[in-house]
């Protein structure tokens, strides 16, 4: 629901990715703290919904089950579930007979587009330019502009809201040694996020190098491998990790992506959290075992008639520097961390599967800088309800979606926790607990219970007089 033009909103969401789309879906029709429905608006600078369009490769699936849609794990009766999407598309019975738990990645994108196309209060092609606090009115002020099809910006004025939800997502990470080349138009050095847009150009290159060993790197390497003739693959795959490691996919390992673990992680001290995060890379940066198996099978079948495929797969390698050779080639200066050796390597195209990084929140909130509270590393302090810690004079809340890994752990970007986080935000915002928290979500107990253990009563053994010293 939207408020009259002169009335403040209850919530403004900045960015419309899966996280804020989930929040908008679960907020739809909820009562506000006063009377009437919750008044919301969500702004996105892109003209329509996009979810990793450069990686919607044929045959790729979500890494989480379909129940990790926008709403089901908070409200399976919602009209915005994935199953209801299938029903509206008259595809529910075909899906039933597929007997699959993990859906195609392109279908998840189509589902999100369906929700975005039917849910009210979403404004695409709207860019938020500034956010401020108005102490007189006790409201946040949001300045935004409309971006036309020709790229022209039209100022739309100012919206007032009681609360904000930041869902501005992540940005592709390009390592510093390769950044100048990625910005050069003559050299095909691209991030995997843009792979499909440049696939034809990459396939035309004589020799292609993939850097990065996560799921995206594996999928790009497999796609390139399948597109090349046997014996003339000319593919290299390099990674910093000591092995092409599988993602932790055991049942108890997956319990790190539960609300129980999120609460436990948030309860830890800041230094402990910072030490813990890098050690958990295999929980979210490894490769799905099925993808590893598919790559190995593809390589193996190319040996059936003798010879080995023209591929090089080397882990434990760091790119120190990079430069152009003969205008269109790339020279990579490599170091093997275990051997302590260095070498130079020339390739015709590079695909960077080097992951994503959280977008900086502070530039967007520059107008609120005096009110923001930071931790010892300068990052925003975020409480257990996903709210930024602000000065006590601020009566509204700023909720953070997928920007709180340092406080809430590796599950922050995971789609399986999206609906539950949105539910927590709406419970906090409305004060009416429309989506009650589950009492328990994991068999693992991640910390010792904080209670005094009874001490055994000491006993004294009395020996017979004859046996006493």
Protein backbone atom coordinates (compact mmCIF):
# COMPACT_ATOMS: atom_id res chain seq x y z
CA UNK A 1 0.00 0.00 0.00
CA UNK A 2 1.18 3.54 -0.72
CA UNK A 3 0.33 6.62 1.31
CA UNK A 4 -1.16 9.88 0.02
CA UNK A 5 1.46 12.16 -1.60
CA UNK A 6 1.81 14.36 1.46
CA UNK A 7 1.83 11.56 4.05
CA UNK A 8 5.00 9.86 5.25
CA UNK A 9 5.59 6.23 4.38
CA UNK A 10 6.24 3.52 6.92
CA UNK A 11 9.09 2.00 4.91
CA UNK A 12 11.21 2.91 1.90
CA UNK A 13 13.36 0.21 0.37
CA UNK A 14 16.44 1.19 -1.63
CA UNK A 15 17.32 -1.41 -4.25
CA UNK A 16 15.13 -4.23 -5.55
CA UNK A 17 17.03 -7.47 -5.62
CA UNK A 18 15.74 -10.73 -4.12
CA UNK A 19 16.19 -9.39 -0.57
CA UNK A 20 14.09 -6.25 -0.81
CA UNK A 21 11.69 -8.02 -3.19
CA UNK A 22 11.14 -10.56 -0.41
CA UNK A 23 10.61 -7.73 2.07
CA UNK A 24 8.08 -6.05 -0.24
CA UNK A 25 6.23 -9.33 -0.76
CA UNK A 26 5.95 -10.11 2.97
CA UNK A 27 5.05 -6.47 3.75
CA UNK A 28 2.19 -6.51 1.25
CA UNK A 29 -1.10 -6.20 3.10
CA UNK A 30 0.41 -6.06 6.60
CA UNK A 31 -1.19 -3.69 9.12
CA UNK A 32 0.87 -0.72 10.28
CA UNK A 33 1.50 0.19 13.92
CA UNK A 34 -1.37 2.65 13.74
CA UNK A 35 -4.36 2.06 11.49
CA UNK A 36 -4.51 0.84 7.92
CA UNK A 37 -1.96 -1.14 5.94
CA UNK A 38 1.77 -0.67 5.97
CA UNK A 39 2.66 2.10 3.50
CA UNK A 40 5.77 1.19 1.52
CA UNK A 41 7.73 2.13 -1.58
CA UNK A 42 10.77 0.43 -3.09
CA UNK A 43 13.13 2.13 -5.55
CA UNK A 44 15.50 0.51 -8.04
CA UNK A 45 17.71 2.36 -10.54
CA UNK A 46 17.50 -0.40 -13.18
CA UNK A 47 14.46 -0.29 -15.41
CA UNK A 48 13.39 -3.85 -14.59
CA UNK A 49 14.32 -6.72 -12.32
CA UNK A 50 17.72 -8.36 -12.89
CA UNK A 51 19.24 -11.29 -11.04
CA UNK A 52 22.74 -12.22 -12.23
CA UNK A 53 21.71 -12.11 -15.91
CA UNK A 54 25.27 -12.82 -17.06
CA UNK A 55 25.30 -16.19 -15.30
CA UNK A 56 21.94 -17.65 -16.34
CA UNK A 57 23.70 -20.46 -18.19
CA UNK A 58 21.76 -23.39 -19.58
CA UNK A 59 21.73 -26.26 -17.14
CA UNK A 60 22.69 -24.26 -14.06
CA UNK A 61 20.53 -24.49 -10.95
CA UNK A 62 20.12 -22.66 -7.68
CA UNK A 63 22.38 -23.86 -4.89
CA UNK A 64 19.42 -23.87 -2.50
CA UNK A 65 16.12 -25.81 -2.70
CA UNK A 66 13.08 -24.15 -4.26
CA UNK A 67 11.57 -23.64 -0.79
CA UNK A 68 14.15 -20.87 -0.38
CA UNK A 69 11.98 -18.57 -2.49
CA UNK A 70 11.06 -15.04 -1.49
CA UNK A 71 8.49 -15.93 1.18
CA UNK A 72 7.88 -19.63 1.89
CA UNK A 73 10.19 -20.11 4.88
CA UNK A 74 8.42 -17.23 6.61
CA UNK A 75 4.89 -17.66 5.23
CA UNK A 76 4.10 -20.69 3.04
CA UNK A 77 0.52 -19.38 2.63
CA UNK A 78 1.69 -16.20 0.87
CA UNK A 79 0.43 -15.56 -2.70
CA UNK A 80 4.03 -14.90 -3.72
CA UNK A 81 5.43 -18.42 -3.27
CA UNK A 82 7.28 -20.21 -6.05
CA UNK A 83 4.60 -22.91 -6.09
CA UNK A 84 1.88 -20.29 -6.59
CA UNK A 85 3.95 -18.87 -9.44
CA UNK A 86 3.93 -22.31 -11.08
CA UNK A 87 0.18 -22.57 -10.56
CA UNK A 88 -0.40 -19.23 -12.28
CA UNK A 89 1.83 -20.37 -15.15
CA UNK A 90 -0.10 -23.68 -15.39
CA UNK A 91 3.11 -25.59 -14.74
CA UNK A 92 2.47 -27.04 -11.29
CA UNK A 93 1.89 -30.63 -12.44
CA UNK A 94 4.89 -30.70 -14.80
CA UNK A 95 7.05 -29.47 -11.92
CA UNK A 96 5.62 -32.18 -9.68
CA UNK A 97 6.75 -34.87 -12.12
CA UNK A 98 10.25 -33.47 -12.47
CA UNK A 99 10.85 -34.47 -8.83
CA UNK A 100 13.56 -31.86 -8.49
CA UNK A 101 14.53 -29.91 -5.40
CA UNK A 102 16.88 -27.45 -7.12
CA UNK A 103 15.30 -25.39 -9.87
CA UNK A 104 17.01 -23.86 -12.91
CA UNK A 105 18.64 -20.54 -12.17
CA UNK A 106 16.83 -18.91 -15.10
CA UNK A 107 13.51 -20.07 -13.65
CA UNK A 108 14.25 -18.43 -10.32
CA UNK A 109 14.91 -15.21 -12.22
CA UNK A 110 11.59 -15.63 -14.08
CA UNK A 111 9.78 -16.23 -10.77
CA UNK A 112 11.24 -13.06 -9.25
CA UNK A 113 10.23 -11.14 -12.38
CA UNK A 114 6.68 -12.45 -11.98
CA UNK A 115 6.53 -11.23 -8.38
CA UNK A 116 8.06 -7.87 -9.32
CA UNK A 117 5.55 -7.46 -12.14
CA UNK A 118 2.49 -8.02 -9.93
CA UNK A 119 3.51 -6.56 -6.57
CA UNK A 120 2.44 -2.95 -5.99
CA UNK A 121 4.74 -0.26 -4.63
CA UNK A 122 7.82 -1.16 -6.68
CA UNK A 123 9.39 1.67 -8.68
CA UNK A 124 11.97 0.66 -11.29
CA UNK A 125 14.04 3.26 -13.08
CA UNK A 126 14.17 5.32 -9.88
CA UNK A 127 17.55 6.25 -8.42
CA UNK A 128 17.97 7.33 -4.80
CA UNK A 129 20.37 10.26 -4.69
CA UNK A 130 20.49 11.20 -1.01
CA UNK A 131 19.13 10.25 2.40
CA UNK A 132 18.86 12.63 5.36
CA UNK A 133 17.23 12.83 8.79
CA UNK A 134 14.69 15.57 9.47
CA UNK A 135 14.75 16.11 13.25
CA UNK A 136 11.76 18.47 13.19
CA UNK A 137 9.49 15.86 11.62
CA UNK A 138 11.27 12.80 13.02
CA UNK A 139 11.45 11.28 9.54
CA UNK A 140 13.99 10.22 6.95
CA UNK A 141 14.07 12.27 3.73
CA UNK A 142 14.78 10.38 0.51
CA UNK A 143 15.64 12.31 -2.67
CA UNK A 144 15.19 10.31 -5.86
CA UNK A 145 15.12 10.76 -9.62
CA UNK A 146 13.53 8.86 -12.48
CA UNK A 147 15.94 7.49 -15.09
CA UNK A 148 14.41 7.54 -18.58
CA UNK A 149 15.02 5.03 -21.35
CA UNK A 150 17.49 7.48 -22.87
CA UNK A 151 19.38 7.77 -19.58
CA UNK A 152 18.05 11.23 -18.82
CA UNK A 153 17.34 11.90 -15.13
CA UNK A 154 14.19 13.63 -13.94
CA UNK A 155 14.07 14.87 -10.35
CA UNK A 156 10.99 13.55 -8.55
CA UNK A 157 11.34 15.43 -5.31
CA UNK A 158 11.49 14.09 -1.80
CA UNK A 159 9.81 11.21 0.01
CA UNK A 160 9.49 11.05 3.79
CA UNK A 161 9.54 7.74 5.62
CA UNK A 162 9.74 6.41 9.14
CA UNK A 163 12.09 3.56 8.26
CA UNK A 164 14.55 2.50 5.54
CA UNK A 165 15.64 -0.87 4.18
CA UNK A 166 18.93 -0.98 2.28
CA UNK A 167 19.04 -3.75 -0.31
CA UNK A 168 21.62 -2.36 -2.71
CA UNK A 169 23.27 -5.74 -3.22
CA UNK A 170 26.85 -6.61 -4.03
CA UNK A 171 29.24 -5.55 -6.77
CA UNK A 172 31.53 -7.77 -8.90
CA UNK A 173 35.02 -7.89 -7.41
CA UNK A 174 37.87 -7.25 -9.84
CA UNK A 175 41.36 -7.80 -8.32
CA UNK A 176 43.57 -4.71 -8.43
CA UNK A 177 46.20 -6.21 -10.80
CA UNK A 178 43.50 -6.82 -13.43
CA UNK A 179 41.40 -3.70 -12.95
CA UNK A 180 43.13 -1.60 -15.69
CA UNK A 181 42.70 -4.43 -18.19
CA UNK A 182 39.04 -4.97 -17.28
CA UNK A 183 38.42 -1.30 -18.08
CA UNK A 184 40.22 -1.49 -21.47
CA UNK A 185 37.85 -2.12 -24.41
CA UNK A 186 40.47 -3.81 -26.64
CA UNK A 187 41.28 -6.63 -24.24
CA UNK A 188 38.60 -9.21 -23.34
CA UNK A 189 39.03 -9.26 -19.57
CA UNK A 190 35.55 -9.56 -18.07
CA UNK A 191 33.95 -10.51 -14.80
CA UNK A 192 31.88 -13.69 -14.77
CA UNK A 193 28.86 -11.53 -13.91
CA UNK A 194 28.97 -10.33 -17.54
CA UNK A 195 29.87 -13.67 -19.10
CA UNK A 196 26.75 -14.24 -21.23
CA UNK A 197 26.94 -10.72 -22.65
CA UNK A 198 30.48 -11.46 -23.92
CA UNK A 199 30.26 -15.21 -24.47
CA UNK A 200 30.53 -15.06 -28.27
CA UNK A 201 33.63 -12.87 -28.04
CA UNK A 202 35.20 -15.10 -25.39
CA UNK A 203 34.54 -18.27 -27.39
CA UNK A 204 36.22 -16.70 -30.41
CA UNK A 205 39.46 -16.18 -28.47
CA UNK A 206 42.21 -18.66 -29.21
CA UNK A 207 43.13 -19.25 -25.57
CA UNK A 208 40.90 -18.47 -22.59
CA UNK A 209 41.84 -18.31 -18.90
CA UNK A 210 39.35 -18.55 -16.04
CA UNK A 211 40.49 -17.17 -12.68
CA UNK A 212 38.61 -18.19 -9.55
CA UNK A 213 37.54 -21.56 -8.18
CA UNK A 214 34.04 -20.95 -6.88
CA UNK A 215 30.80 -22.14 -8.42
CA UNK A 216 30.78 -19.38 -11.06
CA UNK A 217 34.32 -20.22 -12.16
CA UNK A 218 33.45 -23.90 -12.44
CA UNK A 219 30.31 -23.20 -14.46
CA UNK A 220 32.10 -20.87 -16.87
CA UNK A 221 34.97 -23.35 -17.32
CA UNK A 222 32.50 -26.18 -17.98
CA UNK A 223 30.58 -24.08 -20.51
CA UNK A 224 33.78 -23.18 -22.36
CA UNK A 225 34.99 -26.77 -22.25
CA UNK A 226 31.78 -28.14 -23.76
CA UNK A 227 31.92 -25.55 -26.55
CA UNK A 228 35.45 -26.49 -27.68
CA UNK A 229 36.49 -29.45 -29.84
CA UNK A 230 38.50 -32.28 -28.28
CA UNK A 231 42.23 -31.70 -28.42
CA UNK A 232 41.83 -27.99 -29.20
CA UNK A 233 40.31 -26.75 -25.95
CA UNK A 234 43.10 -24.27 -25.11
CA UNK A 235 41.67 -23.53 -21.66
CA UNK A 236 43.39 -22.62 -18.39
CA UNK A 237 41.78 -22.52 -14.96
CA UNK A 238 43.68 -20.85 -12.11
CA UNK A 239 42.73 -20.27 -8.48
CA UNK A 240 44.28 -19.01 -5.27
CA UNK A 241 42.70 -21.77 -3.17
CA UNK A 242 44.92 -24.81 -2.55
CA UNK A 243 42.47 -27.09 -4.39
CA UNK A 244 39.33 -27.10 -6.53
CA UNK A 245 37.39 -27.82 -3.39
CA UNK A 246 33.78 -28.96 -3.10
CA UNK A 247 31.34 -26.80 -1.26
CA UNK A 248 30.36 -28.07 2.18
CA UNK A 249 27.01 -29.64 1.36
CA UNK A 250 26.40 -32.09 4.20
CA UNK A 251 23.18 -31.79 6.16
CA UNK A 252 24.81 -30.63 9.38
CA UNK A 253 27.16 -28.32 7.50
CA UNK A 254 24.16 -26.61 5.90
CA UNK A 255 22.89 -25.77 9.38
CA UNK A 256 25.31 -22.82 9.28
CA UNK A 257 22.63 -21.21 7.10
CA UNK A 258 19.92 -21.26 9.76
CA UNK A 259 18.56 -18.53 12.03
CA UNK A 260 20.04 -20.49 14.95
CA UNK A 261 23.57 -20.06 13.63
CA UNK A 262 22.94 -16.44 12.66
CA UNK A 263 21.96 -15.65 16.26
CA UNK A 264 25.00 -17.51 17.58
CA UNK A 265 27.39 -15.70 15.22
CA UNK A 266 25.94 -12.30 16.13
CA UNK A 267 26.46 -13.08 19.82
CA UNK A 268 30.22 -13.51 19.34
CA UNK A 269 32.65 -10.67 19.89
CA UNK A 270 33.81 -8.63 16.92
CA UNK A 271 37.41 -10.02 16.94
CA UNK A 272 36.12 -13.60 17.06
CA UNK A 273 33.72 -12.99 14.18
CA UNK A 274 36.47 -11.45 12.07
CA UNK A 275 38.77 -14.43 12.69
CA UNK A 276 36.03 -16.94 12.01
CA UNK A 277 34.71 -15.69 8.66
CA UNK A 278 37.80 -16.41 6.51
CA UNK A 279 37.96 -19.98 7.80
CA UNK A 280 34.46 -20.74 6.54
CA UNK A 281 35.12 -20.15 2.85
CA UNK A 282 34.28 -23.72 1.85
CA UNK A 283 30.76 -23.30 3.23
CA UNK A 284 29.91 -20.79 0.52
CA UNK A 285 32.80 -20.46 -1.97
CA UNK A 286 33.39 -24.09 -2.88
CA UNK A 287 32.06 -25.87 -5.98
CA UNK A 288 28.96 -28.04 -5.99
CA UNK A 289 30.08 -31.70 -6.16
CA UNK A 290 27.82 -32.31 -9.18
CA UNK A 291 29.61 -29.55 -11.12
CA UNK A 292 33.02 -31.01 -10.23
CA UNK A 293 31.79 -34.40 -11.40
CA UNK A 294 30.53 -32.92 -14.68
CA UNK A 295 33.88 -31.23 -15.36
CA UNK A 296 35.83 -34.40 -14.62
CA UNK A 297 33.50 -36.47 -16.80
CA UNK A 298 33.87 -34.01 -19.69
CA UNK A 299 37.66 -34.11 -19.38
CA UNK A 300 37.70 -37.91 -19.07
CA UNK A 301 35.60 -38.51 -22.20
CA UNK A 302 38.14 -36.51 -24.18
CA UNK A 303 40.81 -39.11 -23.34
CA UNK A 304 38.86 -42.08 -24.75
CA UNK A 305 40.62 -42.01 -28.12
CA UNK A 306 44.07 -41.28 -26.75
CA UNK A 307 45.75 -38.08 -25.64
CA UNK A 308 44.77 -35.56 -23.03
CA UNK A 309 42.64 -32.44 -23.42
CA UNK A 310 44.54 -29.21 -23.98
CA UNK A 311 43.64 -27.79 -20.57
CA UNK A 312 45.56 -26.58 -17.55
CA UNK A 313 43.92 -26.63 -14.12
CA UNK A 314 46.22 -25.23 -11.43
CA UNK A 315 45.21 -24.30 -7.87
CA UNK A 316 47.36 -22.38 -5.38
CA UNK A 317 48.20 -19.62 -7.87
CA UNK A 318 48.10 -15.86 -7.27
CA UNK A 319 48.08 -13.23 -10.03
CA UNK A 320 50.70 -10.70 -8.96
CA UNK A 321 50.48 -8.28 -11.90
CA UNK A 322 49.05 -8.25 -15.42
CA UNK A 323 49.56 -6.29 -18.61
CA UNK A 324 48.82 -6.17 -22.33
CA UNK A 325 51.00 -7.80 -24.97
CA UNK A 326 50.60 -6.92 -28.68
CA UNK A 327 47.46 -4.90 -27.81
CA UNK A 328 45.04 -7.85 -27.75
CA UNK A 329 46.81 -10.39 -25.51
CA UNK A 330 47.11 -10.50 -21.74
CA UNK A 331 50.26 -11.39 -19.86
CA UNK A 332 49.70 -12.68 -16.34
CA UNK A 333 52.51 -12.71 -13.79
CA UNK A 334 51.83 -15.67 -11.51
CA UNK A 335 53.13 -16.94 -8.20
CA UNK A 336 52.60 -20.42 -6.82
CA UNK A 337 52.16 -20.01 -3.09
CA UNK A 338 53.29 -23.50 -2.05
CA UNK A 339 56.29 -23.76 -4.40
CA UNK A 340 57.32 -20.14 -3.97
CA UNK A 341 57.91 -19.99 -7.74
CA UNK A 342 56.95 -17.30 -10.25
CA UNK A 343 56.21 -17.42 -13.98
CA UNK A 344 54.67 -15.46 -16.85
CA UNK A 345 51.72 -16.63 -18.82
CA UNK A 346 50.08 -15.24 -21.98
CA UNK A 347 46.40 -15.67 -22.87
CA UNK A 348 43.88 -14.14 -25.29
CA UNK A 349 40.93 -13.67 -22.92
CA UNK A 350 40.31 -13.76 -19.18
CA UNK A 351 37.10 -14.46 -17.26
CA UNK A 352 37.28 -13.31 -13.65
CA UNK A 353 35.21 -15.55 -11.39
CA UNK A 354 36.54 -13.60 -8.43
CA UNK A 355 33.30 -13.18 -6.53
CA UNK A 356 31.40 -10.19 -5.24
CA UNK A 357 31.87 -7.67 -2.48
CA UNK A 358 29.35 -5.80 -0.38
CA UNK A 359 28.64 -2.33 -1.66
CA UNK A 360 29.73 0.46 0.67
CA UNK A 361 26.72 1.76 2.59
CA UNK A 362 28.26 4.99 3.85
CA UNK A 363 28.40 6.90 0.51
CA UNK A 364 24.64 6.53 0.14
CA UNK A 365 24.13 7.59 3.76
CA UNK A 366 26.58 10.49 3.72
CA UNK A 367 23.83 12.83 4.92
CA UNK A 368 23.37 10.66 8.00
CA UNK A 369 27.04 10.33 8.86
CA UNK A 370 26.85 12.11 12.26
CA UNK A 371 24.22 9.62 13.39
CA UNK A 372 25.88 6.38 12.29
CA UNK A 373 27.73 4.18 14.75
CA UNK A 374 30.71 2.12 13.55
CA UNK A 375 32.73 -0.77 14.89
CA UNK A 376 36.50 -0.75 15.45
CA UNK A 377 37.08 -1.41 11.72
CA UNK A 378 34.85 1.44 10.59
CA UNK A 379 32.00 -0.84 9.49
CA UNK A 380 28.37 -0.17 10.43
CA UNK A 381 27.27 -1.66 13.72
CA UNK A 382 24.16 -3.76 13.13
CA UNK A 383 21.97 -5.24 15.86
CA UNK A 384 20.36 -8.67 15.96
CA UNK A 385 17.27 -7.34 14.15
CA UNK A 386 19.37 -6.24 11.13
CA UNK A 387 19.13 -2.57 12.15
CA UNK A 388 22.04 -0.17 11.91
CA UNK A 389 22.94 1.21 15.32
CA UNK A 390 22.18 4.93 15.21
CA UNK A 391 22.38 7.86 17.58
CA UNK A 392 19.59 7.76 20.18
CA UNK A 393 18.08 10.94 18.73
CA UNK A 394 17.02 8.99 15.62
CA UNK A 395 13.60 7.45 16.18
CA UNK A 396 13.48 5.56 12.87
CA UNK A 397 15.36 2.44 11.82
CA UNK A 398 17.68 1.62 8.92
CA UNK A 399 17.56 -2.09 8.14
CA UNK A 400 20.35 -3.75 6.16
CA UNK A 401 19.88 -6.61 3.70
CA UNK A 402 22.96 -8.56 2.56
CA UNK A 403 25.36 -6.00 3.93
CA UNK A 404 25.87 -7.48 7.38
CA UNK A 405 28.15 -10.47 6.90
CA UNK A 406 30.56 -9.03 9.47
CA UNK A 407 27.82 -9.12 12.12
CA UNK A 408 25.50 -11.94 10.98
CA UNK A 409 27.86 -14.38 9.30
CA UNK A 410 28.16 -16.26 6.02
CA UNK A 411 24.39 -16.65 5.72
CA UNK A 412 23.88 -12.93 5.03
CA UNK A 413 23.84 -13.33 1.21
CA UNK A 414 22.28 -16.81 1.23
CA UNK A 415 18.84 -17.04 -0.40
CA UNK A 416 17.77 -19.59 2.19
CA UNK A 417 17.75 -16.90 4.89
CA UNK A 418 16.13 -14.17 2.79
CA UNK A 419 12.53 -14.76 3.86
CA UNK A 420 13.42 -15.18 7.53
CA UNK A 421 15.42 -11.93 7.58
CA UNK A 422 12.53 -10.07 5.92
CA UNK A 423 10.20 -11.52 8.55
CA UNK A 424 12.50 -10.37 11.36
CA UNK A 425 12.60 -6.86 9.89
CA UNK A 426 8.80 -6.68 9.60
CA UNK A 427 8.28 -8.08 13.10
CA UNK A 428 10.56 -5.37 14.45
CA UNK A 429 9.09 -2.60 12.32
CA UNK A 430 5.41 -3.29 13.02
CA UNK A 431 5.77 -4.46 16.62
CA UNK A 432 2.98 -6.96 15.91
CA UNK A 433 4.98 -10.14 15.22
CA UNK A 434 3.12 -11.11 12.02
CA UNK A 435 5.74 -13.76 11.25
CA UNK A 436 6.66 -15.50 14.52
CA UNK A 437 10.22 -16.70 14.84
CA UNK A 438 10.67 -20.49 14.82
CA UNK A 439 11.72 -21.82 18.21
CA UNK A 440 14.49 -23.95 16.72
CA UNK A 441 15.94 -24.41 13.22
CA UNK A 442 19.03 -26.63 13.65
CA UNK A 443 19.93 -29.90 15.34
CA UNK A 444 23.36 -28.41 16.07
CA UNK A 445 23.75 -26.38 19.24
CA UNK A 446 26.45 -23.90 18.28
CA UNK A 447 27.48 -22.70 21.73
CA UNK A 448 27.49 -23.84 25.32
CA UNK A 449 24.45 -22.86 27.33
CA UNK A 450 25.24 -19.97 29.64
CA UNK A 451 24.24 -21.46 32.94
CA UNK A 452 25.96 -22.51 36.12
CA UNK A 453 26.69 -26.22 36.23
CA UNK A 454 26.03 -27.98 39.56
CA UNK A 455 29.21 -28.96 41.31
CA UNK A 456 29.53 -32.50 42.74
CA UNK A 457 29.44 -32.71 46.52
CA UNK A 458 32.90 -33.72 47.79
CA UNK A 459 33.00 -37.04 49.62
CA UNK A 460 35.43 -38.19 52.34
CA UNK A 461 36.28 -41.85 52.51
CA UNK A 462 36.95 -43.07 56.05
CA UNK A 463 39.41 -45.93 56.19
CA UNK A 464 39.40 -48.52 58.97
CA UNK A 465 41.82 -47.71 61.77
CA UNK A 466 44.17 -50.50 60.78
CA UNK A 467 44.59 -49.08 57.25
CA UNK A 468 45.24 -45.50 58.25
CA UNK A 469 48.80 -44.22 57.86
